[in-house]
């Protein structure tokens, strides 16, 4: 049972590295890092127990050639269930009703959408994303000579930008998001957000937005 447990523990570590790389911090136990995620907090005691059992089996001296503890079936079953869950691709949650705005809308309408310091995608009549207005860009618009609550966004096109934004399909995993960020880093691009479209391309219809 102990050998099976240690094998399961190694597989759990590997699954975390593959599907949850963003939660791993230097100096922190890999399995214990799961407790940083909300979905695993209710199982915190069992997860820490797995870590402690593994450390005992790996580092404690044996007595007469025997391990000082024997892992019971309860922990084996928990480790198996946890491994199965970790191997499932974890789809990112996103706002299915993310507010957008068009060039024909007014500053007054934008104010209603940008509250709570939220970025606002601007779309055309075909729901294709033209650009993103951030709170910083909105502040610049307010300082513009053209600013008035009734002014249309079409007068502020220079503030509606797409530089620094990536596109992806709605069914995106955390691992895929990490890969998108790393790919752009290699190109010297710092991703400010990921725009989700029905096709995953910049020509697709807007679905939602994930701010980095």
Foldseek 3Di string as FASTA:
>chain_A
DLVLLLVLVVLLLVLCVQFPVVQDDPPDDSQLSVCVDPVCVVVNVLSVVSVVSNCQQVPPDADPPHRPDDDDPVNSVVSVVSSVVSNDFAFDDFDQCQDAAEQQDFQLVVVVRCPPQDKHFYAYPQQQTPAIAGPVLNVVLCVDPPDDRGDGNVVVSVRGDDAQEAFAANRDGPSNVVVVQVVVVVVVGHHQWYWHFNVRDSPGHGRGIGGD
